[in-house]
Amino acid sequence: MKFQIKKKYGQHFLNEKSIIDKIIDIQKIKDNDIIEIGPGFGSLTNAIIEKKPNSLLIIEKDSSLKEHLENIKKSKFKKLDLLFGDALNLNLKEISNSKKVFLIANLPYNIATTLIINWIKYINFFCCITVMVQKEVADRLIAKVSTKPYGRLSVLMQLHCKLEKKFDVEPENFSPPPKVVSSVIKITPTKNINLNYDKIDQLLKDSFFSRRKMIKNNLLKKYHNIEKIFMENNLDISKRAQDISPKDYLKISKSLN
């Protein structure tokens, strides 16, 4: 198959079998319903099929890969469904028919953060997510409080999920090689999640609006009772946003009217 790499899609195809096998082994695939985002030439797709899932839906933006991926369906797995479109515009709740699914994704670096934030809104529909992203994004996901990478994304993810960085992937394992190192992350939703996503996300956007300022300077104009809320929760309002833990952000959010 003749194929031209499209830079606009951020295409870097994983081609190292040992890495593919490590990714596939992170979560249980046999007899489960799987969604794969960004299959490319189907290296991960073929490995997933070998593990005998109950069903497999692959989502690909590049329609020029349609014939190649349809051939995988015809020759290897009749229960493979193909959906061509931009993952940023898809409602995973509707796609999954509201059933619990396992998600595997090798994400383009230019949309990884936006996609992951979108997934949090539907986190209850996932059993587990295995995702490969730029190492810098992975570091932000798992960042500890009071570290440089710690921010809105860190707090959102850590309130909703258990995060495990599994391993890094060097550029030479891709074609074409990216300019940066990638990381594979396992994301497991926290059970019995009962958070007001929009409320806490807005609080985080406001809190991290200016990282160098004390958090009270970012919040006082909008949240008139914020000093009282901090006091009632035994929190120091003179701290900066990156020095407030996810657990304490949750306390603040629940105290807001």
C-alpha atoms as a PDB file:
ATOM      1  CA  MET A   1       0.000   0.000   0.000  1.00  0.00           C
ATOM      2  CA  LYS A   2       1.378   3.377  -1.032  1.00  0.00           C
ATOM      3  CA  PHE A   3       0.910   5.939   1.688  1.00  0.00           C
ATOM      4  CA  GLN A   4       2.122   9.456   2.322  1.00  0.00           C
ATOM      5  CA  ILE A   5       2.589  10.609   5.911  1.00  0.00           C
ATOM      6  CA  LYS A   6       0.429  13.638   6.649  1.00  0.00           C
ATOM      7  CA  LYS A   7       2.044  16.113   9.015  1.00  0.00           C
ATOM      8  CA  LYS A   8      -1.274  17.895   9.581  1.00  0.00           C
ATOM      9  CA  TYR A   9      -2.525  14.782  11.398  1.00  0.00           C
ATOM     10  CA  GLY A  10       0.607  14.487  13.533  1.00  0.00           C
ATOM     11  CA  GLN A  11       1.156  10.949  12.224  1.00  0.00           C
ATOM     12  CA  HIS A  12       3.891   8.862  13.849  1.00  0.00           C
ATOM     13  CA  PHE A  13       3.213   5.149  13.432  1.00  0.00           C
ATOM     14  CA  LEU A  14       4.439   2.790  16.141  1.00  0.00           C
ATOM     15  CA  ASN A  15       6.334  -0.057  14.498  1.00  0.00           C
ATOM     16  CA  GLU A  16       8.235  -1.850  17.289  1.00  0.00           C
ATOM     17  CA  LYS A  17       6.523  -5.154  18.153  1.00  0.00           C
ATOM     18  CA  SER A  18       7.979  -5.405  21.661  1.00  0.00           C
ATOM     19  CA  ILE A  19       6.474  -2.000  22.545  1.00  0.00           C
ATOM     20  CA  ILE A  20       3.141  -2.927  20.970  1.00  0.00           C
ATOM     21  CA  ASP A  21       3.044  -6.127  23.048  1.00  0.00           C
ATOM     22  CA  LYS A  22       3.770  -4.179  26.250  1.00  0.00           C
ATOM     23  CA  ILE A  23       0.919  -1.769  25.520  1.00  0.00           C
ATOM     24  CA  ILE A  24      -1.538  -4.568  24.773  1.00  0.00           C
ATOM     25  CA  ASP A  25      -0.671  -6.381  28.004  1.00  0.00           C
ATOM     26  CA  ILE A  26      -1.525  -3.380  30.216  1.00  0.00           C
ATOM     27  CA  GLN A  27      -5.261  -4.110  30.254  1.00  0.00           C
ATOM     28  CA  LYS A  28      -7.423  -7.207  29.809  1.00  0.00           C
ATOM     29  CA  ILE A  29      -8.659  -7.376  26.223  1.00  0.00           C
ATOM     30  CA  LYS A  30     -10.068 -10.905  25.866  1.00  0.00           C
ATOM     31  CA  ASP A  31     -13.894 -10.891  25.755  1.00  0.00           C
ATOM     32  CA  ASN A  32     -14.078  -7.137  26.442  1.00  0.00           C
ATOM     33  CA  ASP A  33     -15.347  -4.242  24.308  1.00  0.00           C
ATOM     34  CA  ILE A  34     -12.443  -2.166  22.995  1.00  0.00           C
ATOM     35  CA  ILE A  35     -12.201   1.247  21.334  1.00  0.00           C
ATOM     36  CA  GLU A  36      -8.949   2.185  19.619  1.00  0.00           C
ATOM     37  CA  ILE A  37      -8.280   5.775  18.570  1.00  0.00           C
ATOM     38  CA  GLY A  38      -5.677   6.459  15.897  1.00  0.00           C
ATOM     39  CA  PRO A  39      -5.003   2.965  14.494  1.00  0.00           C
ATOM     40  CA  GLY A  40      -2.890   4.190  11.585  1.00  0.00           C
ATOM     41  CA  PHE A  41      -1.626   1.138   9.692  1.00  0.00           C
ATOM     42  CA  GLY A  42      -3.180  -1.172  12.272  1.00  0.00           C
ATOM     43  CA  SER A  43      -0.158  -2.395  14.218  1.00  0.00           C
ATOM     44  CA  LEU A  44      -1.967  -2.087  17.549  1.00  0.00           C
ATOM     45  CA  THR A  45      -5.247  -3.141  15.912  1.00  0.00           C
ATOM     46  CA  ASN A  46      -3.789  -6.483  14.826  1.00  0.00           C
ATOM     47  CA  ALA A  47      -2.333  -7.067  18.286  1.00  0.00           C
ATOM     48  CA  ILE A  48      -5.707  -6.319  19.891  1.00  0.00           C
ATOM     49  CA  ILE A  49      -7.460  -8.756  17.538  1.00  0.00           C
ATOM     50  CA  GLU A  50      -5.006 -11.507  18.511  1.00  0.00           C
ATOM     51  CA  LYS A  51      -6.194 -11.115  22.129  1.00  0.00           C
ATOM     52  CA  LYS A  52      -9.789 -11.921  21.064  1.00  0.00           C
ATOM     53  CA  PRO A  53     -11.896  -8.983  22.243  1.00  0.00           C
ATOM     54  CA  ASN A  54     -15.694  -9.199  22.298  1.00  0.00           C
ATOM     55  CA  SER A  55     -15.834  -6.214  19.953  1.00  0.00           C
ATOM     56  CA  LEU A  56     -13.461  -3.620  18.536  1.00  0.00           C
ATOM     57  CA  LEU A  57     -14.243  -0.133  17.271  1.00  0.00           C
ATOM     58  CA  ILE A  58     -11.420   1.829  15.664  1.00  0.00           C
ATOM     59  CA  ILE A  59     -11.603   5.581  15.088  1.00  0.00           C
ATOM     60  CA  GLU A  60      -9.359   7.111  12.428  1.00  0.00           C
ATOM     61  CA  LYS A  61      -9.280  10.625  11.004  1.00  0.00           C
ATOM     62  CA  ASP A  62      -7.288   9.862   7.835  1.00  0.00           C
ATOM     63  CA  SER A  63      -9.765   8.468   5.298  1.00  0.00           C
ATOM     64  CA  SER A  64      -6.937   7.403   2.967  1.00  0.00           C
ATOM     65  CA  LEU A  65      -6.352   4.497   5.385  1.00  0.00           C
ATOM     66  CA  LYS A  66      -9.909   3.226   4.903  1.00  0.00           C
ATOM     67  CA  GLU A  67      -9.146   0.474   2.362  1.00  0.00           C
ATOM     68  CA  HIS A  68      -6.239  -0.852   4.416  1.00  0.00           C
ATOM     69  CA  LEU A  69      -8.254  -0.968   7.645  1.00  0.00           C
ATOM     70  CA  GLU A  70     -11.274  -2.524   5.897  1.00  0.00           C
ATOM     71  CA  ASN A  71      -8.981  -5.307   4.694  1.00  0.00           C
ATOM     72  CA  ILE A  72      -8.057  -6.038   8.321  1.00  0.00           C
ATOM     73  CA  LYS A  73     -11.775  -6.344   9.092  1.00  0.00           C
ATOM     74  CA  LYS A  74     -12.433  -8.687   6.165  1.00  0.00           C
ATOM     75  CA  SER A  75      -9.434 -10.927   6.719  1.00  0.00           C
ATOM     76  CA  LYS A  76      -9.022 -10.990  10.510  1.00  0.00           C
ATOM     77  CA  PHE A  77     -12.005  -9.802  12.568  1.00  0.00           C
ATOM     78  CA  LYS A  78     -15.551  -9.476  11.275  1.00  0.00           C
ATOM     79  CA  LYS A  79     -16.661  -7.789  14.530  1.00  0.00           C
ATOM     80  CA  LEU A  80     -14.342  -4.863  13.823  1.00  0.00           C
ATOM     81  CA  ASP A  81     -16.217  -1.582  13.308  1.00  0.00           C
ATOM     82  CA  LEU A  82     -14.591   1.369  11.576  1.00  0.00           C
ATOM     83  CA  LEU A  83     -15.449   4.994  12.202  1.00  0.00           C
ATOM     84  CA  PHE A  84     -13.734   7.726  10.223  1.00  0.00           C
ATOM     85  CA  GLY A  85     -13.798  11.163  11.806  1.00  0.00           C
ATOM     86  CA  ASP A  86     -12.100  13.579  14.149  1.00  0.00           C
ATOM     87  CA  ALA A  87     -11.922  12.147  17.679  1.00  0.00           C
ATOM     88  CA  LEU A  88     -12.268  15.698  19.025  1.00  0.00           C
ATOM     89  CA  ASN A  89     -15.810  15.880  17.652  1.00  0.00           C
ATOM     90  CA  LEU A  90     -17.029  12.459  18.768  1.00  0.00           C
ATOM     91  CA  ASN A  91     -19.294  11.728  21.715  1.00  0.00           C
ATOM     92  CA  LEU A  92     -17.795   8.586  23.228  1.00  0.00           C
ATOM     93  CA  LYS A  93     -20.891   8.056  25.361  1.00  0.00           C
ATOM     94  CA  GLU A  94     -23.003   7.662  22.217  1.00  0.00           C
ATOM     95  CA  ILE A  95     -20.380   5.613  20.394  1.00  0.00           C
ATOM     96  CA  SER A  96     -20.062   3.140  23.251  1.00  0.00           C
ATOM     97  CA  ASN A  97     -23.874   2.784  23.481  1.00  0.00           C
ATOM     98  CA  SER A  98     -23.488   3.729  27.150  1.00  0.00           C
ATOM     99  CA  LYS A  99     -21.703   0.452  27.936  1.00  0.00           C
ATOM    100  CA  LYS A 100     -18.371   0.206  29.722  1.00  0.00           C
ATOM    101  CA  VAL A 101     -15.449   0.030  27.297  1.00  0.00           C
ATOM    102  CA  PHE A 102     -11.692  -0.250  27.326  1.00  0.00           C
ATOM    103  CA  LEU A 103      -9.916   2.502  25.392  1.00  0.00           C
ATOM    104  CA  ILE A 104      -6.491   2.273  23.751  1.00  0.00           C
ATOM    105  CA  ALA A 105      -5.017   5.272  21.960  1.00  0.00           C
ATOM    106  CA  ASN A 106      -1.785   6.487  20.397  1.00  0.00           C
ATOM    107  CA  LEU A 107      -2.625  10.179  20.345  1.00  0.00           C
ATOM    108  CA  PRO A 108      -1.323  12.881  18.010  1.00  0.00           C
ATOM    109  CA  TYR A 109       0.697  15.256  20.163  1.00  0.00           C
ATOM    110  CA  ASN A 110      -1.167  18.330  18.938  1.00  0.00           C
ATOM    111  CA  ILE A 111      -4.568  17.212  20.292  1.00  0.00           C
ATOM    112  CA  ALA A 112      -3.656  14.892  23.185  1.00  0.00           C
ATOM    113  CA  THR A 113      -4.410  17.291  26.048  1.00  0.00           C
ATOM    114  CA  THR A 114      -7.756  18.412  24.602  1.00  0.00           C
ATOM    115  CA  LEU A 115      -8.844  14.822  23.965  1.00  0.00           C
ATOM    116  CA  ILE A 116      -7.943  13.653  27.455  1.00  0.00           C
ATOM    117  CA  ILE A 117      -9.878  16.526  29.048  1.00  0.00           C
ATOM    118  CA  ASN A 118     -12.879  15.613  26.862  1.00  0.00           C
ATOM    119  CA  TRP A 119     -12.682  11.999  28.047  1.00  0.00           C
ATOM    120  CA  ILE A 120     -12.897  13.025  31.697  1.00  0.00           C
ATOM    121  CA  LYS A 121     -16.477  14.154  31.051  1.00  0.00           C
ATOM    122  CA  TYR A 122     -17.337  10.556  30.114  1.00  0.00           C
ATOM    123  CA  ILE A 123     -14.968   8.819  32.516  1.00  0.00           C
ATOM    124  CA  ASN A 124     -17.719   6.610  33.965  1.00  0.00           C
ATOM    125  CA  PHE A 125     -18.060   4.880  30.603  1.00  0.00           C
ATOM    126  CA  PHE A 126     -14.492   3.567  30.672  1.00  0.00           C
ATOM    127  CA  CYS A 127     -13.196   0.503  32.459  1.00  0.00           C
ATOM    128  CA  CYS A 128      -9.640   1.524  31.684  1.00  0.00           C
ATOM    129  CA  ILE A 129      -7.710   3.790  29.301  1.00  0.00           C
ATOM    130  CA  THR A 130      -4.250   3.045  27.957  1.00  0.00           C
ATOM    131  CA  VAL A 131      -2.859   6.040  26.153  1.00  0.00           C
ATOM    132  CA  MET A 132       0.458   6.998  24.591  1.00  0.00           C
ATOM    133  CA  VAL A 133       1.231  10.704  24.666  1.00  0.00           C
ATOM    134  CA  GLN A 134       4.179  13.057  24.532  1.00  0.00           C
ATOM    135  CA  LYS A 135       6.263  12.617  27.699  1.00  0.00           C
ATOM    136  CA  GLU A 136       5.677  16.254  28.617  1.00  0.00           C
ATOM    137  CA  VAL A 137       1.899  15.634  28.667  1.00  0.00           C
ATOM    138  CA  ALA A 138       2.357  12.451  30.720  1.00  0.00           C
ATOM    139  CA  ASP A 139       4.439  14.383  33.244  1.00  0.00           C
ATOM    140  CA  ARG A 140       1.606  16.904  33.603  1.00  0.00           C
ATOM    141  CA  LEU A 141      -0.957  14.140  34.130  1.00  0.00           C
ATOM    142  CA  ILE A 142       0.926  12.533  37.012  1.00  0.00           C
ATOM    143  CA  ALA A 143       2.553  15.690  38.446  1.00  0.00           C
ATOM    144  CA  LYS A 144       2.672  16.086  42.221  1.00  0.00           C
ATOM    145  CA  VAL A 145       1.541  19.234  43.997  1.00  0.00           C
ATOM    146  CA  SER A 146       4.131  22.058  44.159  1.00  0.00           C
ATOM    147  CA  THR A 147       6.037  20.800  41.093  1.00  0.00           C
ATOM    148  CA  LYS A 148       6.465  22.724  37.839  1.00  0.00           C
ATOM    149  CA  PRO A 149       4.277  20.433  35.644  1.00  0.00           C
ATOM    150  CA  TYR A 150       1.414  20.449  38.172  1.00  0.00           C
ATOM    151  CA  GLY A 151      -1.651  22.325  36.953  1.00  0.00           C
ATOM    152  CA  ARG A 152      -5.288  22.145  35.901  1.00  0.00           C
ATOM    153  CA  LEU A 153      -4.811  18.903  33.938  1.00  0.00           C
ATOM    154  CA  SER A 154      -3.063  17.225  36.880  1.00  0.00           C
ATOM    155  CA  VAL A 155      -5.861  18.082  39.303  1.00  0.00           C
ATOM    156  CA  LEU A 156      -8.706  17.146  36.943  1.00  0.00           C
ATOM    157  CA  MET A 157      -7.186  13.768  36.169  1.00  0.00           C
ATOM    158  CA  GLN A 158      -6.136  12.901  39.694  1.00  0.00           C
ATOM    159  CA  LEU A 159      -9.594  13.682  41.083  1.00  0.00           C
ATOM    160  CA  HIS A 160     -11.240  11.363  38.576  1.00  0.00           C
ATOM    161  CA  CYS A 161      -8.676   8.626  38.023  1.00  0.00           C
ATOM    162  CA  LYS A 162      -5.799   6.533  39.219  1.00  0.00           C
ATOM    163  CA  LEU A 163      -2.815   7.239  36.963  1.00  0.00           C
ATOM    164  CA  GLU A 164       0.142   4.930  36.343  1.00  0.00           C
ATOM    165  CA  LYS A 165       3.034   5.801  34.070  1.00  0.00           C
ATOM    166  CA  LYS A 166       4.087   2.455  32.599  1.00  0.00           C
ATOM    167  CA  PHE A 167       7.115   3.250  30.434  1.00  0.00           C
ATOM    168  CA  ASP A 168       8.698   5.711  28.007  1.00  0.00           C
ATOM    169  CA  VAL A 169       8.991   5.073  24.263  1.00  0.00           C
ATOM    170  CA  GLU A 170      11.978   6.450  22.360  1.00  0.00           C
ATOM    171  CA  PRO A 171      11.494   8.174  18.969  1.00  0.00           C
ATOM    172  CA  GLU A 172      13.222   5.414  16.970  1.00  0.00           C
ATOM    173  CA  ASN A 173      10.260   3.103  17.631  1.00  0.00           C
ATOM    174  CA  PHE A 174       8.062   5.193  15.310  1.00  0.00           C
ATOM    175  CA  SER A 175       7.888   5.904  11.601  1.00  0.00           C
ATOM    176  CA  PRO A 176       8.593   8.723  11.073  1.00  0.00           C
ATOM    177  CA  PRO A 177      10.389   9.305  14.386  1.00  0.00           C
ATOM    178  CA  PRO A 178       8.953  12.214  16.425  1.00  0.00           C
ATOM    179  CA  LYS A 179      11.305  14.781  17.911  1.00  0.00           C
ATOM    180  CA  VAL A 180      10.306  13.934  21.478  1.00  0.00           C
ATOM    181  CA  VAL A 181      10.031  10.944  23.808  1.00  0.00           C
ATOM    182  CA  SER A 182       6.581   9.425  24.349  1.00  0.00           C
ATOM    183  CA  SER A 183       5.098   7.847  27.485  1.00  0.00           C
ATOM    184  CA  VAL A 184       2.443   5.191  28.012  1.00  0.00           C
ATOM    185  CA  ILE A 185      -0.063   5.901  30.796  1.00  0.00           C
ATOM    186  CA  LYS A 186      -2.717   3.649  32.316  1.00  0.00           C
ATOM    187  CA  ILE A 187      -5.794   5.561  33.471  1.00  0.00           C
ATOM    188  CA  THR A 188      -8.284   3.785  35.741  1.00  0.00           C
ATOM    189  CA  PRO A 189     -11.460   5.682  36.705  1.00  0.00           C
ATOM    190  CA  THR A 190     -12.053   6.145  40.418  1.00  0.00           C
ATOM    191  CA  LYS A 191     -15.106   4.219  41.560  1.00  0.00           C
ATOM    192  CA  ASN A 192     -18.269   6.050  42.614  1.00  0.00           C
ATOM    193  CA  ILE A 193     -17.202   9.373  41.138  1.00  0.00           C
ATOM    194  CA  ASN A 194     -19.645  12.094  42.149  1.00  0.00           C
ATOM    195  CA  LEU A 195     -18.066  15.368  41.107  1.00  0.00           C
ATOM    196  CA  ASN A 196     -19.533  18.454  39.487  1.00  0.00           C
ATOM    197  CA  TYR A 197     -17.123  18.502  36.540  1.00  0.00           C
ATOM    198  CA  ASP A 198     -18.033  21.941  35.177  1.00  0.00           C
ATOM    199  CA  LYS A 199     -17.861  23.544  38.613  1.00  0.00           C
ATOM    200  CA  ILE A 200     -14.441  22.202  39.544  1.00  0.00           C
ATOM    201  CA  ASP A 201     -13.013  22.754  36.066  1.00  0.00           C
ATOM    202  CA  GLN A 202     -14.026  26.446  36.173  1.00  0.00           C
ATOM    203  CA  LEU A 203     -12.468  26.770  39.627  1.00  0.00           C
ATOM    204  CA  LEU A 204      -9.218  25.303  38.284  1.00  0.00           C
ATOM    205  CA  LYS A 205      -9.200  27.576  35.235  1.00  0.00           C
ATOM    206  CA  ASP A 206      -9.608  30.594  37.517  1.00  0.00           C
ATOM    207  CA  SER A 207      -7.067  29.329  40.064  1.00  0.00           C
ATOM    208  CA  PHE A 208      -4.322  28.699  37.508  1.00  0.00           C
ATOM    209  CA  PHE A 209      -5.068  31.832  35.464  1.00  0.00           C
ATOM    210  CA  SER A 210      -1.850  33.409  36.707  1.00  0.00           C
ATOM    211  CA  ARG A 211       0.429  30.801  38.255  1.00  0.00           C
ATOM    212  CA  ARG A 212       2.795  33.312  39.833  1.00  0.00           C
ATOM    213  CA  LYS A 213       0.090  35.080  41.832  1.00  0.00           C
ATOM    214  CA  MET A 214      -1.240  34.017  45.207  1.00  0.00           C
ATOM    215  CA  ILE A 215      -4.445  32.091  44.645  1.00  0.00           C
ATOM    216  CA  LYS A 216      -6.533  34.715  46.460  1.00  0.00           C
ATOM    217  CA  ASN A 217      -5.563  37.283  43.807  1.00  0.00           C
ATOM    218  CA  ASN A 218      -6.895  34.972  41.099  1.00  0.00           C
ATOM    219  CA  LEU A 219     -10.162  34.175  42.904  1.00  0.00           C
ATOM    220  CA  LEU A 220     -11.292  37.139  45.024  1.00  0.00           C
ATOM    221  CA  LYS A 221     -13.040  39.139  42.285  1.00  0.00           C
ATOM    222  CA  LYS A 222     -15.190  36.213  41.156  1.00  0.00           C
ATOM    223  CA  TYR A 223     -15.649  34.286  44.409  1.00  0.00           C
ATOM    224  CA  HIS A 224     -16.542  36.874  47.057  1.00  0.00           C
ATOM    225  CA  ASN A 225     -16.613  34.375  49.935  1.00  0.00           C
ATOM    226  CA  ILE A 226     -13.392  32.570  48.991  1.00  0.00           C
ATOM    227  CA  GLU A 227     -11.467  33.774  52.055  1.00  0.00           C
ATOM    228  CA  LYS A 228     -14.154  32.348  54.333  1.00  0.00           C
ATOM    229  CA  ILE A 229     -14.114  29.039  52.413  1.00  0.00           C
ATOM    230  CA  PHE A 230     -10.343  28.714  52.774  1.00  0.00           C
ATOM    231  CA  MET A 231     -10.552  29.509  56.468  1.00  0.00           C
ATOM    232  CA  GLU A 232     -13.342  26.974  57.077  1.00  0.00           C
ATOM    233  CA  ASN A 233     -11.287  24.285  55.340  1.00  0.00           C
ATOM    234  CA  ASN A 234      -8.056  25.213  57.179  1.00  0.00           C
ATOM    235  CA  LEU A 235      -6.353  26.221  53.931  1.00  0.00           C
ATOM    236  CA  ASP A 236      -3.796  28.948  53.353  1.00  0.00           C
ATOM    237  CA  ILE A 237      -5.158  31.472  50.833  1.00  0.00           C
ATOM    238  CA  SER A 238      -1.722  33.062  50.432  1.00  0.00           C
ATOM    239  CA  LYS A 239      -0.474  29.979  48.587  1.00  0.00           C
ATOM    240  CA  ARG A 240      -0.144  29.775  44.820  1.00  0.00           C
ATOM    241  CA  ALA A 241      -2.440  27.546  42.770  1.00  0.00           C
ATOM    242  CA  GLN A 242       0.244  24.890  42.229  1.00  0.00           C
ATOM    243  CA  ASP A 243       0.594  24.465  46.015  1.00  0.00           C
ATOM    244  CA  ILE A 244      -3.022  23.349  46.534  1.00  0.00           C
ATOM    245  CA  SER A 245      -3.615  19.575  46.399  1.00  0.00           C
ATOM    246  CA  PRO A 246      -6.385  17.902  44.348  1.00  0.00           C
ATOM    247  CA  LYS A 247      -8.107  16.881  47.578  1.00  0.00           C
ATOM    248  CA  ASP A 248      -8.148  20.502  48.761  1.00  0.00           C
ATOM    249  CA  TYR A 249      -9.441  21.771  45.417  1.00  0.00           C
ATOM    250  CA  LEU A 250     -12.314  19.334  45.833  1.00  0.00           C
ATOM    251  CA  LYS A 251     -13.054  20.750  49.304  1.00  0.00           C
ATOM    252  CA  ILE A 252     -13.075  24.294  47.919  1.00  0.00           C
ATOM    253  CA  SER A 253     -15.336  23.329  45.021  1.00  0.00           C
ATOM    254  CA  LYS A 254     -17.875  21.644  47.297  1.00  0.00           C
ATOM    255  CA  SER A 255     -17.951  24.736  49.533  1.00  0.00           C
ATOM    256  CA  LEU A 256     -18.761  27.108  46.684  1.00  0.00           C
ATOM    257  CA  ASN A 257     -22.386  28.151  46.220  1.00  0.00           C
END
